Amino acid sequence: MGMLAVQCCSRLLISNTQAVLESNGRINRQKAYALASTDLEKLLGIRMNEEMADLVAYDGGSAFELSSKVVAVISPERAAVDLF
């Protein structure tokens, strides 16, 4: 899901992590990913081509851990691989 600003992405991470922690086990890791991706796309009425979606690789944890770091992004739409 594209973000207009880094602050939006950080806010989504923090809000989603908070929702998982406060759910008393009702929201698992799979549902957390859906809340930040496919469920958000449906809510906003966006139709994503799954074959053109970016793949993001993390080191040190998952997308919902503040200690993790993005190390690579594979973007079929841009025909590029970015390494960090």
PDB file of N, CA and C in Angstrom:
ATOM      1  N   MET A   1       0.841  -1.174   0.000  1.00  0.00           N
ATOM      2  CA  MET A   1       0.000   0.000   0.000  1.00  0.00           C
ATOM      3  C   MET A   1       0.879   1.228   0.000  1.00  0.00           C
ATOM      4  N   GLY A   2       0.737   2.069  -0.962  1.00  0.00           N
ATOM      5  CA  GLY A   2       1.553   3.269  -1.040  1.00  0.00           C
ATOM      6  C   GLY A   2       1.187   4.273   0.032  1.00  0.00           C
ATOM      7  N   MET A   3       2.180   4.945   0.553  1.00  0.00           N
ATOM      8  CA  MET A   3       1.959   5.962   1.575  1.00  0.00           C
ATOM      9  C   MET A   3       2.393   7.312   1.029  1.00  0.00           C
ATOM     10  N   LEU A   4       1.671   8.352   1.368  1.00  0.00           N
ATOM     11  CA  LEU A   4       2.006   9.684   0.906  1.00  0.00           C
ATOM     12  C   LEU A   4       3.176  10.279   1.672  1.00  0.00           C
ATOM     13  N   ALA A   5       3.372   9.838   2.895  1.00  0.00           N
ATOM     14  CA  ALA A   5       4.455  10.370   3.710  1.00  0.00           C
ATOM     15  C   ALA A   5       4.909   9.325   4.708  1.00  0.00           C
ATOM     16  N   VAL A   6       6.153   9.441   5.129  1.00  0.00           N
ATOM     17  CA  VAL A   6       6.705   8.498   6.103  1.00  0.00           C
ATOM     18  C   VAL A   6       5.894   8.530   7.387  1.00  0.00           C
ATOM     19  N   GLN A   7       5.399   9.705   7.778  1.00  0.00           N
ATOM     20  CA  GLN A   7       4.624   9.822   9.004  1.00  0.00           C
ATOM     21  C   GLN A   7       3.356   8.968   8.944  1.00  0.00           C
ATOM     22  N   CYS A   8       2.731   8.884   7.780  1.00  0.00           N
ATOM     23  CA  CYS A   8       1.526   8.071   7.623  1.00  0.00           C
ATOM     24  C   CYS A   8       1.852   6.600   7.836  1.00  0.00           C
ATOM     25  N   CYS A   9       2.952   6.168   7.292  1.00  0.00           N
ATOM     26  CA  CYS A   9       3.365   4.779   7.434  1.00  0.00           C
ATOM     27  C   CYS A   9       3.679   4.463   8.895  1.00  0.00           C
ATOM     28  N   SER A  10       4.394   5.337   9.566  1.00  0.00           N
ATOM     29  CA  SER A  10       4.727   5.141  10.979  1.00  0.00           C
ATOM     30  C   SER A  10       3.469   5.114  11.824  1.00  0.00           C
ATOM     31  N   ARG A  11       2.548   6.003  11.517  1.00  0.00           N
ATOM     32  CA  ARG A  11       1.297   6.055  12.282  1.00  0.00           C
ATOM     33  C   ARG A  11       0.490   4.767  12.099  1.00  0.00           C
ATOM     34  N   LEU A  12       0.454   4.233  10.865  1.00  0.00           N
ATOM     35  CA  LEU A  12      -0.244   2.975  10.600  1.00  0.00           C
ATOM     36  C   LEU A  12       0.393   1.842  11.394  1.00  0.00           C
ATOM     37  N   LEU A  13       1.718   1.788  11.419  1.00  0.00           N
ATOM     38  CA  LEU A  13       2.431   0.763  12.171  1.00  0.00           C
ATOM     39  C   LEU A  13       2.077   0.833  13.647  1.00  0.00           C
ATOM     40  N   ILE A  14       2.137   2.007  14.222  1.00  0.00           N
ATOM     41  CA  ILE A  14       1.865   2.168  15.652  1.00  0.00           C
ATOM     42  C   ILE A  14       0.405   1.870  15.965  1.00  0.00           C
ATOM     43  N   SER A  15      -0.516   2.370  15.160  1.00  0.00           N
ATOM     44  CA  SER A  15      -1.943   2.130  15.396  1.00  0.00           C
ATOM     45  C   SER A  15      -2.296   0.657  15.271  1.00  0.00           C
ATOM     46  N   ASN A  16      -1.740   0.004  14.254  1.00  0.00           N
ATOM     47  CA  ASN A  16      -2.027  -1.409  14.043  1.00  0.00           C
ATOM     48  C   ASN A  16      -1.442  -2.252  15.175  1.00  0.00           C
ATOM     49  N   THR A  17      -0.229  -1.955  15.592  1.00  0.00           N
ATOM     50  CA  THR A  17       0.397  -2.683  16.697  1.00  0.00           C
ATOM     51  C   THR A  17      -0.404  -2.486  17.973  1.00  0.00           C
ATOM     52  N   GLN A  18      -0.856  -1.283  18.229  1.00  0.00           N
ATOM     53  CA  GLN A  18      -1.662  -1.001  19.407  1.00  0.00           C
ATOM     54  C   GLN A  18      -2.972  -1.788  19.377  1.00  0.00           C
ATOM     55  N   ALA A  19      -3.607  -1.874  18.217  1.00  0.00           N
ATOM     56  CA  ALA A  19      -4.855  -2.627  18.086  1.00  0.00           C
ATOM     57  C   ALA A  19      -4.636  -4.104  18.405  1.00  0.00           C
ATOM     58  N   VAL A  20      -3.528  -4.661  17.920  1.00  0.00           N
ATOM     59  CA  VAL A  20      -3.218  -6.070  18.189  1.00  0.00           C
ATOM     60  C   VAL A  20      -3.000  -6.290  19.683  1.00  0.00           C
ATOM     61  N   LEU A  21      -2.219  -5.419  20.304  1.00  0.00           N
ATOM     62  CA  LEU A  21      -1.904  -5.572  21.723  1.00  0.00           C
ATOM     63  C   LEU A  21      -3.137  -5.420  22.607  1.00  0.00           C
ATOM     64  N   GLU A  22      -4.054  -4.551  22.216  1.00  0.00           N
ATOM     65  CA  GLU A  22      -5.252  -4.306  23.022  1.00  0.00           C
ATOM     66  C   GLU A  22      -6.407  -5.241  22.694  1.00  0.00           C
ATOM     67  N   SER A  23      -6.220  -6.163  21.757  1.00  0.00           N
ATOM     68  CA  SER A  23      -7.321  -7.033  21.328  1.00  0.00           C
ATOM     69  C   SER A  23      -7.487  -8.273  22.195  1.00  0.00           C
ATOM     70  N   ASN A  24      -6.606  -8.472  23.160  1.00  0.00           N
ATOM     71  CA  ASN A  24      -6.663  -9.662  24.024  1.00  0.00           C
ATOM     72  C   ASN A  24      -6.690 -10.947  23.211  1.00  0.00           C
ATOM     73  N   GLY A  25      -5.857 -10.996  22.181  1.00  0.00           N
ATOM     74  CA  GLY A  25      -5.731 -12.203  21.376  1.00  0.00           C
ATOM     75  C   GLY A  25      -6.741 -12.351  20.251  1.00  0.00           C
ATOM     76  N   ARG A  26      -7.678 -11.420  20.109  1.00  0.00           N
ATOM     77  CA  ARG A  26      -8.690 -11.533  19.055  1.00  0.00           C
ATOM     78  C   ARG A  26      -8.124 -11.175  17.682  1.00  0.00           C
ATOM     79  N   ILE A  27      -7.048 -10.399  17.645  1.00  0.00           N
ATOM     80  CA  ILE A  27      -6.403 -10.062  16.375  1.00  0.00           C
ATOM     81  C   ILE A  27      -5.042 -10.738  16.351  1.00  0.00           C
ATOM     82  N   ASN A  28      -4.879 -11.709  15.446  1.00  0.00           N
ATOM     83  CA  ASN A  28      -3.593 -12.398  15.323  1.00  0.00           C
ATOM     84  C   ASN A  28      -2.734 -11.689  14.282  1.00  0.00           C
ATOM     85  N   ARG A  29      -1.524 -12.204  14.066  1.00  0.00           N
ATOM     86  CA  ARG A  29      -0.580 -11.568  13.138  1.00  0.00           C
ATOM     87  C   ARG A  29      -1.152 -11.517  11.714  1.00  0.00           C
ATOM     88  N   GLN A  30      -1.827 -12.577  11.279  1.00  0.00           N
ATOM     89  CA  GLN A  30      -2.392 -12.608   9.925  1.00  0.00           C
ATOM     90  C   GLN A  30      -3.460 -11.524   9.767  1.00  0.00           C
ATOM     91  N   LYS A  31      -4.324 -11.364  10.756  1.00  0.00           N
ATOM     92  CA  LYS A  31      -5.362 -10.338  10.695  1.00  0.00           C
ATOM     93  C   LYS A  31      -4.744  -8.938  10.754  1.00  0.00           C
ATOM     94  N   ALA A  32      -3.661  -8.792  11.507  1.00  0.00           N
ATOM     95  CA  ALA A  32      -2.979  -7.494  11.580  1.00  0.00           C
ATOM     96  C   ALA A  32      -2.447  -7.086  10.213  1.00  0.00           C
ATOM     97  N   TYR A  33      -1.858  -8.031   9.487  1.00  0.00           N
ATOM     98  CA  TYR A  33      -1.388  -7.731   8.131  1.00  0.00           C
ATOM     99  C   TYR A  33      -2.554  -7.349   7.228  1.00  0.00           C
ATOM    100  N   ALA A  34      -3.670  -8.065   7.365  1.00  0.00           N
ATOM    101  CA  ALA A  34      -4.851  -7.752   6.548  1.00  0.00           C
ATOM    102  C   ALA A  34      -5.386  -6.354   6.867  1.00  0.00           C
ATOM    103  N   LEU A  35      -5.383  -5.987   8.144  1.00  0.00           N
ATOM    104  CA  LEU A  35      -5.873  -4.654   8.528  1.00  0.00           C
ATOM    105  C   LEU A  35      -5.064  -3.543   7.873  1.00  0.00           C
ATOM    106  N   ALA A  36      -3.768  -3.784   7.679  1.00  0.00           N
ATOM    107  CA  ALA A  36      -2.900  -2.751   7.117  1.00  0.00           C
ATOM    108  C   ALA A  36      -2.735  -2.860   5.609  1.00  0.00           C
ATOM    109  N   SER A  37      -3.343  -3.858   4.991  1.00  0.00           N
ATOM    110  CA  SER A  37      -3.156  -4.014   3.547  1.00  0.00           C
ATOM    111  C   SER A  37      -4.488  -4.262   2.852  1.00  0.00           C
ATOM    112  N   THR A  38      -4.899  -5.503   2.734  1.00  0.00           N
ATOM    113  CA  THR A  38      -6.090  -5.810   1.933  1.00  0.00           C
ATOM    114  C   THR A  38      -7.368  -5.222   2.509  1.00  0.00           C
ATOM    115  N   ASP A  39      -7.533  -5.244   3.839  1.00  0.00           N
ATOM    116  CA  ASP A  39      -8.733  -4.642   4.434  1.00  0.00           C
ATOM    117  C   ASP A  39      -8.760  -3.139   4.207  1.00  0.00           C
ATOM    118  N   LEU A  40      -7.590  -2.508   4.292  1.00  0.00           N
ATOM    119  CA  LEU A  40      -7.486  -1.070   4.053  1.00  0.00           C
ATOM    120  C   LEU A  40      -7.794  -0.741   2.596  1.00  0.00           C
ATOM    121  N   GLU A  41      -7.317  -1.573   1.689  1.00  0.00           N
ATOM    122  CA  GLU A  41      -7.618  -1.386   0.264  1.00  0.00           C
ATOM    123  C   GLU A  41      -9.118  -1.471   0.021  1.00  0.00           C
ATOM    124  N   LYS A  42      -9.778  -2.446   0.625  1.00  0.00           N
ATOM    125  CA  LYS A  42     -11.222  -2.605   0.459  1.00  0.00           C
ATOM    126  C   LYS A  42     -11.966  -1.396   1.024  1.00  0.00           C
ATOM    127  N   LEU A  43     -11.540  -0.936   2.198  1.00  0.00           N
ATOM    128  CA  LEU A  43     -12.180   0.207   2.838  1.00  0.00           C
ATOM    129  C   LEU A  43     -12.082   1.456   1.973  1.00  0.00           C
ATOM    130  N   LEU A  44     -10.920   1.642   1.347  1.00  0.00           N
ATOM    131  CA  LEU A  44     -10.698   2.819   0.514  1.00  0.00           C
ATOM    132  C   LEU A  44     -11.180   2.641  -0.920  1.00  0.00           C
ATOM    133  N   GLY A  45     -11.650   1.430  -1.246  1.00  0.00           N
ATOM    134  CA  GLY A  45     -12.146   1.170  -2.594  1.00  0.00           C
ATOM    135  C   GLY A  45     -11.043   1.062  -3.633  1.00  0.00           C
ATOM    136  N   ILE A  46      -9.872   0.622  -3.203  1.00  0.00           N
ATOM    137  CA  ILE A  46      -8.730   0.485  -4.110  1.00  0.00           C
ATOM    138  C   ILE A  46      -8.635  -0.959  -4.570  1.00  0.00           C
ATOM    139  N   ARG A  47      -8.432  -1.159  -5.852  1.00  0.00           N
ATOM    140  CA  ARG A  47      -8.239  -2.502  -6.395  1.00  0.00           C
ATOM    141  C   ARG A  47      -6.788  -2.635  -6.819  1.00  0.00           C
ATOM    142  N   MET A  48      -6.050  -3.460  -6.098  1.00  0.00           N
ATOM    143  CA  MET A  48      -4.630  -3.660  -6.387  1.00  0.00           C
ATOM    144  C   MET A  48      -4.444  -4.907  -7.241  1.00  0.00           C
ATOM    145  N   ASN A  49      -3.560  -4.818  -8.202  1.00  0.00           N
ATOM    146  CA  ASN A  49      -3.154  -5.969  -8.983  1.00  0.00           C
ATOM    147  C   ASN A  49      -2.092  -6.695  -8.172  1.00  0.00           C
ATOM    148  N   GLU A  50      -2.407  -7.881  -7.650  1.00  0.00           N
ATOM    149  CA  GLU A  50      -1.493  -8.596  -6.767  1.00  0.00           C
ATOM    150  C   GLU A  50      -0.154  -8.894  -7.427  1.00  0.00           C
ATOM    151  N   GLU A  51      -0.158  -9.093  -8.735  1.00  0.00           N
ATOM    152  CA  GLU A  51       1.095  -9.379  -9.429  1.00  0.00           C
ATOM    153  C   GLU A  51       1.997  -8.159  -9.495  1.00  0.00           C
ATOM    154  N   MET A  52       1.443  -6.981  -9.304  1.00  0.00           N
ATOM    155  CA  MET A  52       2.227  -5.751  -9.362  1.00  0.00           C
ATOM    156  C   MET A  52       2.518  -5.176  -7.971  1.00  0.00           C
ATOM    157  N   ALA A  53       2.112  -5.884  -6.923  1.00  0.00           N
ATOM    158  CA  ALA A  53       2.334  -5.395  -5.557  1.00  0.00           C
ATOM    159  C   ALA A  53       3.803  -5.495  -5.172  1.00  0.00           C
ATOM    160  N   ASP A  54       4.264  -4.528  -4.397  1.00  0.00           N
ATOM    161  CA  ASP A  54       5.640  -4.545  -3.914  1.00  0.00           C
ATOM    162  C   ASP A  54       5.807  -5.607  -2.836  1.00  0.00           C
ATOM    163  N   LEU A  55       6.983  -6.210  -2.791  1.00  0.00           N
ATOM    164  CA  LEU A  55       7.349  -7.155  -1.743  1.00  0.00           C
ATOM    165  C   LEU A  55       8.422  -6.480  -0.910  1.00  0.00           C
ATOM    166  N   VAL A  56       8.197  -6.424   0.407  1.00  0.00           N
ATOM    167  CA  VAL A  56       9.130  -5.744   1.307  1.00  0.00           C
ATOM    168  C   VAL A  56       9.748  -6.778   2.235  1.00  0.00           C
ATOM    169  N   ALA A  57      11.083  -6.763   2.326  1.00  0.00           N
ATOM    170  CA  ALA A  57      11.813  -7.674   3.208  1.00  0.00           C
ATOM    171  C   ALA A  57      12.306  -6.908   4.426  1.00  0.00           C
ATOM    172  N   TYR A  58      12.112  -7.501   5.605  1.00  0.00           N
ATOM    173  CA  TYR A  58      12.505  -6.884   6.872  1.00  0.00           C
ATOM    174  C   TYR A  58      13.610  -7.692   7.535  1.00  0.00           C
ATOM    175  N   ASP A  59      14.455  -7.012   8.297  1.00  0.00           N
ATOM    176  CA  ASP A  59      15.469  -7.656   9.118  1.00  0.00           C
ATOM    177  C   ASP A  59      15.195  -7.273  10.568  1.00  0.00           C
ATOM    178  N   GLY A  60      15.275  -8.241  11.455  1.00  0.00           N
ATOM    179  CA  GLY A  60      15.104  -7.961  12.874  1.00  0.00           C
ATOM    180  C   GLY A  60      13.666  -7.990  13.350  1.00  0.00           C
ATOM    181  N   GLY A  61      12.775  -8.512  12.556  1.00  0.00           N
ATOM    182  CA  GLY A  61      11.382  -8.599  12.968  1.00  0.00           C
ATOM    183  C   GLY A  61      10.440  -8.449  11.792  1.00  0.00           C
ATOM    184  N   SER A  62       9.191  -8.222  12.116  1.00  0.00           N
ATOM    185  CA  SER A  62       8.158  -8.114  11.087  1.00  0.00           C
ATOM    186  C   SER A  62       7.829  -6.649  10.822  1.00  0.00           C
ATOM    187  N   ALA A  63       6.874  -6.437   9.972  1.00  0.00           N
ATOM    188  CA  ALA A  63       6.443  -5.083   9.632  1.00  0.00           C
ATOM    189  C   ALA A  63       5.838  -4.364  10.837  1.00  0.00           C
ATOM    190  N   PHE A  64       5.454  -5.100  11.860  1.00  0.00           N
ATOM    191  CA  PHE A  64       4.787  -4.504  13.020  1.00  0.00           C
ATOM    192  C   PHE A  64       5.672  -4.439  14.253  1.00  0.00           C
ATOM    193  N   GLU A  65       6.954  -4.615  14.085  1.00  0.00           N
ATOM    194  CA  GLU A  65       7.881  -4.493  15.207  1.00  0.00           C
ATOM    195  C   GLU A  65       8.745  -3.259  14.981  1.00  0.00           C
ATOM    196  N   LEU A  66       8.774  -2.393  15.966  1.00  0.00           N
ATOM    197  CA  LEU A  66       9.514  -1.138  15.827  1.00  0.00           C
ATOM    198  C   LEU A  66      11.007  -1.365  15.669  1.00  0.00           C
ATOM    199  N   SER A  67      11.498  -2.537  16.100  1.00  0.00           N
ATOM    200  CA  SER A  67      12.932  -2.824  15.992  1.00  0.00           C
ATOM    201  C   SER A  67      13.325  -3.318  14.603  1.00  0.00           C
ATOM    202  N   SER A  68      12.357  -3.649  13.766  1.00  0.00           N
ATOM    203  CA  SER A  68      12.674  -4.183  12.438  1.00  0.00           C
ATOM    204  C   SER A  68      13.069  -3.061  11.484  1.00  0.00           C
ATOM    205  N   LYS A  69      13.788  -3.457  10.455  1.00  0.00           N
ATOM    206  CA  LYS A  69      14.283  -2.494   9.469  1.00  0.00           C
ATOM    207  C   LYS A  69      14.016  -3.042   8.067  1.00  0.00           C
ATOM    208  N   VAL A  70      13.536  -2.200   7.172  1.00  0.00           N
ATOM    209  CA  VAL A  70      13.354  -2.604   5.781  1.00  0.00           C
ATOM    210  C   VAL A  70      14.732  -2.742   5.154  1.00  0.00           C
ATOM    211  N   VAL A  71      14.999  -3.910   4.559  1.00  0.00           N
ATOM    212  CA  VAL A  71      16.307  -4.136   3.929  1.00  0.00           C
ATOM    213  C   VAL A  71      16.210  -4.242   2.416  1.00  0.00           C
ATOM    214  N   ALA A  72      15.004  -4.498   1.893  1.00  0.00           N
ATOM    215  CA  ALA A  72      14.847  -4.599   0.440  1.00  0.00           C
ATOM    216  C   ALA A  72      13.384  -4.413   0.049  1.00  0.00           C
ATOM    217  N   VAL A  73      13.191  -3.858  -1.158  1.00  0.00           N
ATOM    218  CA  VAL A  73      11.855  -3.731  -1.738  1.00  0.00           C
ATOM    219  C   VAL A  73      11.949  -4.189  -3.192  1.00  0.00           C
ATOM    220  N   ILE A  74      11.116  -5.155  -3.531  1.00  0.00           N
ATOM    221  CA  ILE A  74      11.029  -5.621  -4.910  1.00  0.00           C
ATOM    222  C   ILE A  74       9.752  -5.020  -5.488  1.00  0.00           C
ATOM    223  N   SER A  75       9.898  -4.240  -6.562  1.00  0.00           N
ATOM    224  CA  SER A  75       8.763  -3.547  -7.148  1.00  0.00           C
ATOM    225  C   SER A  75       8.590  -3.951  -8.612  1.00  0.00           C
ATOM    226  N   PRO A  76       7.631  -4.850  -8.907  1.00  0.00           N
ATOM    227  CA  PRO A  76       7.374  -5.228 -10.293  1.00  0.00           C
ATOM    228  C   PRO A  76       6.905  -4.035 -11.142  1.00  0.00           C
ATOM    229  N   GLU A  77       6.142  -3.138 -10.549  1.00  0.00           N
ATOM    230  CA  GLU A  77       5.616  -1.992 -11.293  1.00  0.00           C
ATOM    231  C   GLU A  77       6.746  -1.081 -11.777  1.00  0.00           C
ATOM    232  N   ARG A  78       7.762  -0.897 -10.935  1.00  0.00           N
ATOM    233  CA  ARG A  78       8.905  -0.065 -11.316  1.00  0.00           C
ATOM    234  C   ARG A  78      10.014  -0.879 -11.956  1.00  0.00           C
ATOM    235  N   ALA A  79       9.849  -2.213 -11.985  1.00  0.00           N
ATOM    236  CA  ALA A  79      10.882  -3.125 -12.499  1.00  0.00           C
ATOM    237  C   ALA A  79      12.218  -2.851 -11.809  1.00  0.00           C
ATOM    238  N   ALA A  80      12.149  -2.790 -10.453  1.00  0.00           N
ATOM    239  CA  ALA A  80      13.330  -2.444  -9.687  1.00  0.00           C
ATOM    240  C   ALA A  80      13.401  -3.218  -8.378  1.00  0.00           C
ATOM    241  N   VAL A  81      14.628  -3.375  -7.903  1.00  0.00           N
ATOM    242  CA  VAL A  81      14.884  -3.937  -6.581  1.00  0.00           C
ATOM    243  C   VAL A  81      15.720  -2.904  -5.834  1.00  0.00           C
ATOM    244  N   ASP A  82      15.220  -2.461  -4.697  1.00  0.00           N
ATOM    245  CA  ASP A  82      15.945  -1.495  -3.870  1.00  0.00           C
ATOM    246  C   ASP A  82      16.486  -2.207  -2.640  1.00  0.00           C
ATOM    247  N   LEU A  83      17.774  -2.059  -2.384  1.00  0.00           N
ATOM    248  CA  LEU A  83      18.420  -2.627  -1.218  1.00  0.00           C
ATOM    249  C   LEU A  83      18.840  -1.495  -0.304  1.00  0.00           C
ATOM    250  N   PHE A  84      18.632  -1.673   0.984  1.00  0.00           N
ATOM    251  CA  PHE A  84      18.959  -0.615   1.953  1.00  0.00           C
ATOM    252  C   PHE A  84      19.984  -1.107   2.947  1.00  0.00           C
TER     253      PHE A  84
END
